[in-house]
Amino acid sequence: MKLAFRNAFFSLSHSLIPNTSHNLQIPLLSISAIRASPSFPLPSSVLRNERVWLFCAASDSSSSMASVPNSASLSSSVEKQFEEFRLQLEASGSLRERIRAVSMEIESVTRLMHSSILFVHQSRPVPEVLEKAKVQIGALKELFHRIAEIIRECPSQYYRYHGDWRTETQTVVSLLAFMHWLETGNLLMHKEAEEKLGCMLKNVANPHLNSSDFGLDVEDYLIGICFMSNELPRYVVNQVTAGDYDCPRNVVKFLTDLHAAFRMLNLRNDFLRKKFDGMKYDLRRVEEVYYDVKIRGLTTTENTMDDNGAQE
C-alpha cells in the first residue's frame, strides 16, 4: 500500500510541475520514503550520499536565486537614463526654435535686400541700387550676432545646429558678393564676407567668440558665390540692351577666372558640386553674348586690342 501511495504521489507531482528540476528531486523523495519505511533498512553509505545530494541541491537553488537580476533596480536605471534623454531633447528643441526664429528674420531681411538689388537689371544707376540694399546689412549683422549668442550657450555644437540657418547664410553671401562685384568688379573674399556679417573672430560685438563657436562656413561661402554667378548672365543681357557693350567682356573675364579657381577644388558629388557645374553654363551664356557683340563690331577699339593681345 505504501508503494502504491508513493507511486501515486510521484505521478501527481510530475503532472503539476513538469520540469527538469523536479526530476532531480525524485531520487531524494524515493530515498526519504524508503528510509522512512522500517521494512527497508539502508546502509550508512547511502545515507551519507543522500546528505551530500541534499546539500548540493540546496546550494544550487540558492545560487540560482542570487543570479536573478533585481528587476526593480534595472527599471530604475532605465527610467533615469531616459529621463536624462528627455531633458536633453527638450533643451535641444528649445534652442533650435530660437535659432529658427532668428533665421526667419534673416530670410525676411534678405528678401528686402534682393528686391532692392533687382532694380539693377532695369538699368538703374548702380550707386542708387546699392545704397538701398546696404541699409539692410546692419540688420543682418545684428541677426547673426543673435545667432552667435545662442550658439555660445552650447560650446563646440556649431555644426549640430548649423543646418538651421545655413540656407539663409548662402543667400546672404550671394547678395553681398553680387553687390561687391557691382561696386568693385572683384570677388568678395571670405574674410570680407565675415566682416560684413559680423562673424570675424573676436570682433568688437563678440569679443569672446572663437572659431569653434561661430563663423562663416567655407562651403556656405562657396555655394553663395555660385548663386551669385547665376545673376550675371541676366545682368549682361540687360546691360547690352541698355548700350553697355563692354560689360560682357568684363563678366567673361571675371567668370573665367572664378571658374578656374573652383577647378582647383576637389569637390565631391554633392550640392556644391552641382552648383559649380551650373557655373560653366553661366559662363557659356555670357560668352555667347560677348561673341554676338564682338562679331557685330560693337566693342570699343581698346577692348579689341586687349583681346588680340591676350590671344597672342
Protein backbone atom coordinates (compact mmCIF):
# COMPACT_ATOMS: atom_id res chain seq x y z
CA MET A 1 0.00 0.00 0.00
CA LYS A 2 2.87 2.32 0.81
CA LEU A 3 4.39 1.60 -2.59
CA ALA A 4 1.10 2.39 -4.35
CA PHE A 5 0.75 5.64 -2.39
CA ARG A 6 4.33 6.63 -3.26
CA ASN A 7 3.80 5.98 -6.99
CA ALA A 8 0.56 7.98 -6.98
CA PHE A 9 2.37 10.88 -5.27
CA PHE A 10 5.19 10.87 -7.86
CA SER A 11 2.70 10.85 -10.75
CA LEU A 12 0.68 13.73 -9.30
CA SER A 13 3.78 15.89 -8.57
CA HIS A 14 5.18 15.29 -12.08
CA SER A 15 1.90 16.39 -13.69
CA LEU A 16 1.73 19.57 -11.58
CA ILE A 17 5.41 20.63 -12.07
CA PRO A 18 6.72 19.10 -15.32
CA ASN A 19 10.32 20.41 -15.30
CA THR A 20 13.78 19.01 -15.12
CA SER A 21 14.48 20.32 -11.62
CA HIS A 22 11.66 18.17 -10.26
CA ASN A 23 13.19 15.10 -11.85
CA LEU A 24 16.27 15.71 -9.75
CA GLN A 25 14.11 15.56 -6.60
CA ILE A 26 12.69 12.10 -7.39
CA PRO A 27 15.67 10.15 -6.08
CA LEU A 28 15.64 12.30 -2.92
CA LEU A 29 11.98 11.61 -2.32
CA SER A 30 12.49 7.93 -3.08
CA ILE A 31 15.36 7.58 -0.61
CA SER A 32 13.45 9.53 2.05
CA ALA A 33 10.40 7.38 1.58
CA ILE A 34 12.44 4.19 1.65
CA ARG A 35 14.33 5.35 4.73
CA ALA A 36 11.05 6.06 6.47
CA SER A 37 9.94 2.52 5.85
CA PRO A 38 11.11 0.14 8.61
CA SER A 39 10.96 -2.82 6.21
CA PHE A 40 13.76 -1.39 4.02
CA PRO A 41 16.89 -0.70 6.11
CA LEU A 42 19.52 1.40 4.27
CA PRO A 43 23.28 1.15 4.63
CA SER A 44 25.22 4.09 6.09
CA SER A 45 26.97 4.90 2.74
CA VAL A 46 23.63 5.53 1.07
CA LEU A 47 22.58 7.85 3.87
CA ARG A 48 25.83 9.84 3.56
CA ASN A 49 25.30 10.23 -0.20
CA GLU A 50 21.78 11.40 0.49
CA ARG A 51 23.05 14.20 2.76
CA VAL A 52 25.62 15.31 0.17
CA TRP A 53 22.97 15.38 -2.54
CA LEU A 54 20.58 17.40 -0.43
CA PHE A 55 23.34 19.93 0.38
CA CYS A 56 24.29 20.32 -3.29
CA ALA A 57 20.69 20.77 -4.32
CA ALA A 58 20.20 23.48 -1.68
CA SER A 59 23.38 25.25 -2.82
CA ASP A 60 22.33 25.22 -6.49
CA SER A 61 18.93 26.61 -5.59
CA SER A 62 20.38 29.49 -3.56
CA SER A 63 22.94 30.39 -6.24
CA SER A 64 20.29 30.42 -8.98
CA MET A 65 18.11 32.75 -6.92
CA ALA A 66 21.05 35.09 -6.32
CA SER A 67 21.84 35.24 -10.06
CA VAL A 68 18.39 36.62 -10.96
CA PRO A 69 18.78 40.42 -11.51
CA ASN A 70 16.84 42.81 -9.42
CA SER A 71 14.10 43.98 -11.76
CA ALA A 72 13.31 46.99 -9.60
CA SER A 73 16.87 48.38 -9.76
CA LEU A 74 17.07 47.69 -13.53
CA SER A 75 13.81 49.53 -14.15
CA SER A 76 15.04 52.46 -12.06
CA SER A 77 18.29 52.80 -14.05
CA VAL A 78 16.46 52.67 -17.40
CA GLU A 79 13.97 55.27 -16.23
CA LYS A 80 16.78 57.54 -15.04
CA GLN A 81 18.58 57.25 -18.39
CA PHE A 82 15.52 58.12 -20.45
CA GLU A 83 14.68 60.98 -18.13
CA GLU A 84 18.09 62.45 -18.96
CA PHE A 85 17.39 61.91 -22.66
CA ARG A 86 14.09 63.74 -22.31
CA LEU A 87 15.72 66.76 -20.71
CA GLN A 88 18.46 66.87 -23.36
CA LEU A 89 15.98 66.65 -26.24
CA GLU A 90 13.77 69.35 -24.74
CA ALA A 91 16.75 71.67 -24.30
CA SER A 92 17.94 70.99 -27.86
CA GLY A 93 14.45 71.55 -29.28
CA SER A 94 14.07 74.84 -27.43
CA LEU A 95 17.43 76.04 -28.74
CA ARG A 96 16.52 75.07 -32.32
CA GLU A 97 13.28 77.00 -32.08
CA ARG A 98 15.19 80.11 -31.04
CA ILE A 99 17.64 79.71 -33.92
CA ARG A 100 14.86 79.16 -36.45
CA ALA A 101 13.05 82.24 -35.23
CA VAL A 102 16.15 84.34 -35.94
CA SER A 103 16.74 82.62 -39.30
CA MET A 104 13.20 83.56 -40.35
CA GLU A 105 14.05 87.18 -39.62
CA ILE A 106 17.21 86.82 -41.71
CA GLU A 107 15.14 85.47 -44.58
CA SER A 108 12.78 88.44 -44.32
CA VAL A 109 15.69 90.91 -44.47
CA THR A 110 17.28 89.13 -47.43
CA ARG A 111 14.00 89.37 -49.37
CA LEU A 112 14.05 93.14 -48.89
CA MET A 113 17.68 93.32 -49.97
CA HIS A 114 17.05 91.14 -53.02
CA SER A 115 14.09 93.23 -54.11
CA SER A 116 16.29 96.33 -53.99
CA ILE A 117 19.10 94.71 -55.99
CA LEU A 118 16.73 93.54 -58.73
CA PHE A 119 16.40 97.14 -59.92
CA VAL A 120 19.93 96.87 -61.30
CA HIS A 121 18.51 94.74 -64.13
CA GLN A 122 16.33 97.69 -65.12
CA SER A 123 19.38 99.86 -65.85
CA ARG A 124 19.00 101.85 -62.67
CA PRO A 125 22.16 103.63 -61.53
CA VAL A 126 24.30 101.19 -59.56
CA PRO A 127 25.08 103.61 -56.68
CA GLU A 128 21.37 104.19 -56.16
CA VAL A 129 20.62 100.48 -56.09
CA LEU A 130 23.47 99.69 -53.73
CA GLU A 131 22.52 102.48 -51.35
CA LYS A 132 19.07 100.98 -50.75
CA ALA A 133 20.44 97.47 -50.40
CA LYS A 134 23.21 98.41 -47.99
CA VAL A 135 20.66 99.67 -45.48
CA GLN A 136 19.83 96.04 -44.66
CA ILE A 137 23.42 95.00 -43.92
CA GLY A 138 23.27 96.43 -40.41
CA ALA A 139 20.12 94.42 -39.66
CA LEU A 140 21.77 91.26 -40.97
CA LYS A 141 24.82 91.80 -38.81
CA GLU A 142 22.65 92.18 -35.72
CA LEU A 143 20.72 88.97 -36.53
CA PHE A 144 23.91 86.99 -36.98
CA HIS A 145 25.12 88.33 -33.65
CA ARG A 146 21.95 86.95 -32.04
CA ILE A 147 22.59 83.51 -33.56
CA ALA A 148 26.17 83.65 -32.31
CA GLU A 149 24.96 84.38 -28.78
CA ILE A 150 22.60 81.40 -28.91
CA ILE A 151 25.34 79.09 -30.16
CA ARG A 152 27.62 80.21 -27.34
CA GLU A 153 25.22 78.51 -24.91
CA CYS A 154 26.30 75.12 -26.28
CA PRO A 155 30.07 75.22 -26.89
CA SER A 156 31.50 73.01 -29.64
CA GLN A 157 28.00 72.32 -31.01
CA TYR A 158 28.19 74.67 -34.01
CA TYR A 159 27.73 72.05 -36.71
CA ARG A 160 24.96 70.31 -34.79
CA TYR A 161 22.67 73.34 -35.33
CA HIS A 162 24.38 74.78 -38.38
CA GLY A 163 21.74 73.42 -40.77
CA ASP A 164 19.04 75.60 -39.20
CA TRP A 165 20.42 78.80 -40.76
CA ARG A 166 22.86 77.70 -43.49
CA THR A 167 20.39 78.21 -46.37
CA GLU A 168 19.81 81.80 -45.32
CA THR A 169 23.56 82.30 -44.96
CA GLN A 170 24.18 81.12 -48.52
CA THR A 171 21.57 83.54 -49.86
CA VAL A 172 23.08 86.41 -47.88
CA VAL A 173 26.57 85.64 -49.19
CA SER A 174 25.31 85.59 -52.79
CA LEU A 175 23.68 89.01 -52.39
CA LEU A 176 26.72 90.53 -50.69
CA ALA A 177 29.03 89.08 -53.36
CA PHE A 178 26.87 90.48 -56.17
CA MET A 179 26.79 93.91 -54.53
CA HIS A 180 30.55 93.81 -54.03
CA TRP A 181 31.10 92.91 -57.69
CA LEU A 182 28.80 95.70 -58.89
CA GLU A 183 30.78 98.16 -56.79
CA THR A 184 34.35 96.96 -57.38
CA GLY A 185 34.28 94.39 -60.18
CA ASN A 186 36.13 91.90 -57.94
CA LEU A 187 35.23 88.82 -55.96
CA LEU A 188 34.09 89.18 -52.35
CA MET A 189 36.67 87.32 -50.29
CA HIS A 190 35.76 85.02 -47.42
CA LYS A 191 37.19 87.30 -44.73
CA GLU A 192 35.40 90.29 -46.21
CA ALA A 193 32.11 88.39 -46.08
CA GLU A 194 32.74 87.53 -42.42
CA GLU A 195 33.38 91.20 -41.67
CA LYS A 196 30.13 92.26 -43.34
CA LEU A 197 28.18 89.66 -41.34
CA GLY A 198 29.98 90.34 -38.07
CA CYS A 199 31.45 86.83 -37.97
CA MET A 200 35.09 87.84 -37.64
CA LEU A 201 36.92 86.16 -34.76
CA LYS A 202 36.94 88.18 -31.56
CA ASN A 203 35.29 91.19 -33.17
CA VAL A 204 34.02 94.15 -31.24
CA ALA A 205 30.45 92.88 -30.91
CA ASN A 206 31.53 89.37 -29.81
CA PRO A 207 34.88 89.70 -28.02
CA HIS A 208 34.73 86.15 -26.60
CA LEU A 209 33.74 84.40 -29.83
CA ASN A 210 36.18 81.93 -31.37
CA SER A 211 36.24 79.78 -34.49
CA SER A 212 34.83 76.70 -32.75
CA ASP A 213 31.75 78.63 -31.61
CA PHE A 214 30.68 80.59 -34.69
CA GLY A 215 31.86 81.65 -38.13
CA LEU A 216 31.13 81.64 -41.86
CA ASP A 217 31.39 78.07 -43.11
CA VAL A 218 33.58 77.69 -46.21
CA GLU A 219 31.01 75.60 -48.09
CA ASP A 220 28.30 78.17 -47.39
CA TYR A 221 30.59 80.86 -48.79
CA LEU A 222 31.36 78.82 -51.94
CA ILE A 223 27.70 77.97 -52.55
CA GLY A 224 26.81 81.63 -52.14
CA ILE A 225 29.41 82.57 -54.77
CA CYS A 226 27.87 80.01 -57.13
CA PHE A 227 24.46 81.57 -56.54
CA MET A 228 25.93 84.96 -57.36
CA SER A 229 27.17 83.73 -60.74
CA ASN A 230 23.58 82.88 -61.69
CA GLU A 231 22.73 86.59 -61.71
CA LEU A 232 25.49 87.59 -64.12
CA PRO A 233 24.06 86.29 -67.44
CA ARG A 234 20.82 88.21 -66.90
CA TYR A 235 22.77 91.29 -65.89
CA VAL A 236 24.92 91.10 -69.04
CA VAL A 237 21.92 90.79 -71.36
CA ASN A 238 20.19 93.78 -69.78
CA GLN A 239 23.36 95.87 -69.88
CA VAL A 240 23.91 95.15 -73.57
CA THR A 241 20.30 96.06 -74.23
CA ALA A 242 20.93 99.36 -72.46
CA GLY A 243 24.01 100.00 -74.66
CA ASP A 244 26.83 98.91 -72.37
CA TYR A 245 28.80 96.73 -74.80
CA ASP A 246 31.86 96.49 -72.60
CA CYS A 247 30.01 94.66 -69.83
CA PRO A 248 30.10 91.18 -71.49
CA ARG A 249 33.86 91.23 -71.80
CA ASN A 250 34.33 92.19 -68.15
CA VAL A 251 31.93 89.50 -66.96
CA VAL A 252 33.56 86.86 -69.17
CA LYS A 253 36.95 87.61 -67.69
CA PHE A 254 35.58 87.54 -64.14
CA LEU A 255 33.68 84.25 -64.59
CA THR A 256 36.60 82.62 -66.40
CA ASP A 257 38.95 83.40 -63.51
CA LEU A 258 36.34 82.30 -60.96
CA HIS A 259 35.65 79.05 -62.78
CA ALA A 260 39.39 78.32 -62.99
CA ALA A 261 39.73 78.93 -59.25
CA PHE A 262 36.90 76.49 -58.49
CA ARG A 263 38.63 73.89 -60.65
CA MET A 264 41.40 73.77 -58.05
CA LEU A 265 38.98 72.26 -55.53
CA ASN A 266 38.40 68.52 -55.28
CA LEU A 267 34.63 68.68 -54.96
CA ARG A 268 32.54 65.66 -54.02
CA ASN A 269 29.33 64.71 -55.79
CA ASP A 270 27.16 66.85 -53.54
CA PHE A 271 25.17 70.09 -53.69
CA LEU A 272 28.28 72.27 -54.00
CA ARG A 273 29.49 70.22 -56.97
CA LYS A 274 26.11 70.61 -58.69
CA LYS A 275 26.18 74.38 -58.21
CA PHE A 276 29.72 74.53 -59.56
CA ASP A 277 28.65 72.54 -62.62
CA GLY A 278 25.98 75.18 -63.18
CA MET A 279 28.62 77.91 -63.23
CA LYS A 280 30.03 76.70 -66.56
CA TYR A 281 26.61 77.18 -68.14
CA ASP A 282 26.51 80.74 -66.79
CA LEU A 283 29.92 81.31 -68.34
CA ARG A 284 28.78 79.84 -71.65
CA ARG A 285 25.75 82.13 -71.81
CA VAL A 286 27.90 85.20 -71.15
CA GLU A 287 30.40 84.07 -73.77
CA GLU A 288 27.63 83.79 -76.33
CA VAL A 289 26.52 87.36 -75.62
CA TYR A 290 30.10 88.58 -75.84
CA TYR A 291 30.57 86.73 -79.13
CA ASP A 292 27.47 88.36 -80.62
CA VAL A 293 28.63 91.80 -79.51
CA LYS A 294 32.13 91.28 -80.86
CA ILE A 295 31.19 89.97 -84.33
CA ARG A 296 28.90 92.96 -84.76
CA GLY A 297 31.81 95.30 -84.04
CA LEU A 298 30.09 96.88 -81.05
CA THR A 299 33.05 96.60 -78.70
CA THR A 300 35.40 99.53 -78.28
CA THR A 301 38.77 99.65 -80.02
CA GLU A 302 40.59 99.43 -76.70
CA ASN A 303 38.83 96.20 -75.78
CA THR A 304 39.51 94.72 -79.22
CA MET A 305 43.20 95.47 -78.93
CA ASP A 306 43.25 93.90 -75.42
CA ASP A 307 41.61 90.75 -76.79
CA ASN A 308 44.13 90.49 -79.63
CA GLY A 309 46.98 90.95 -77.20
CA ALA A 310 45.59 88.22 -74.94
CA GLN A 311 45.31 85.82 -77.89
CA GLU A 312 48.93 86.48 -78.91
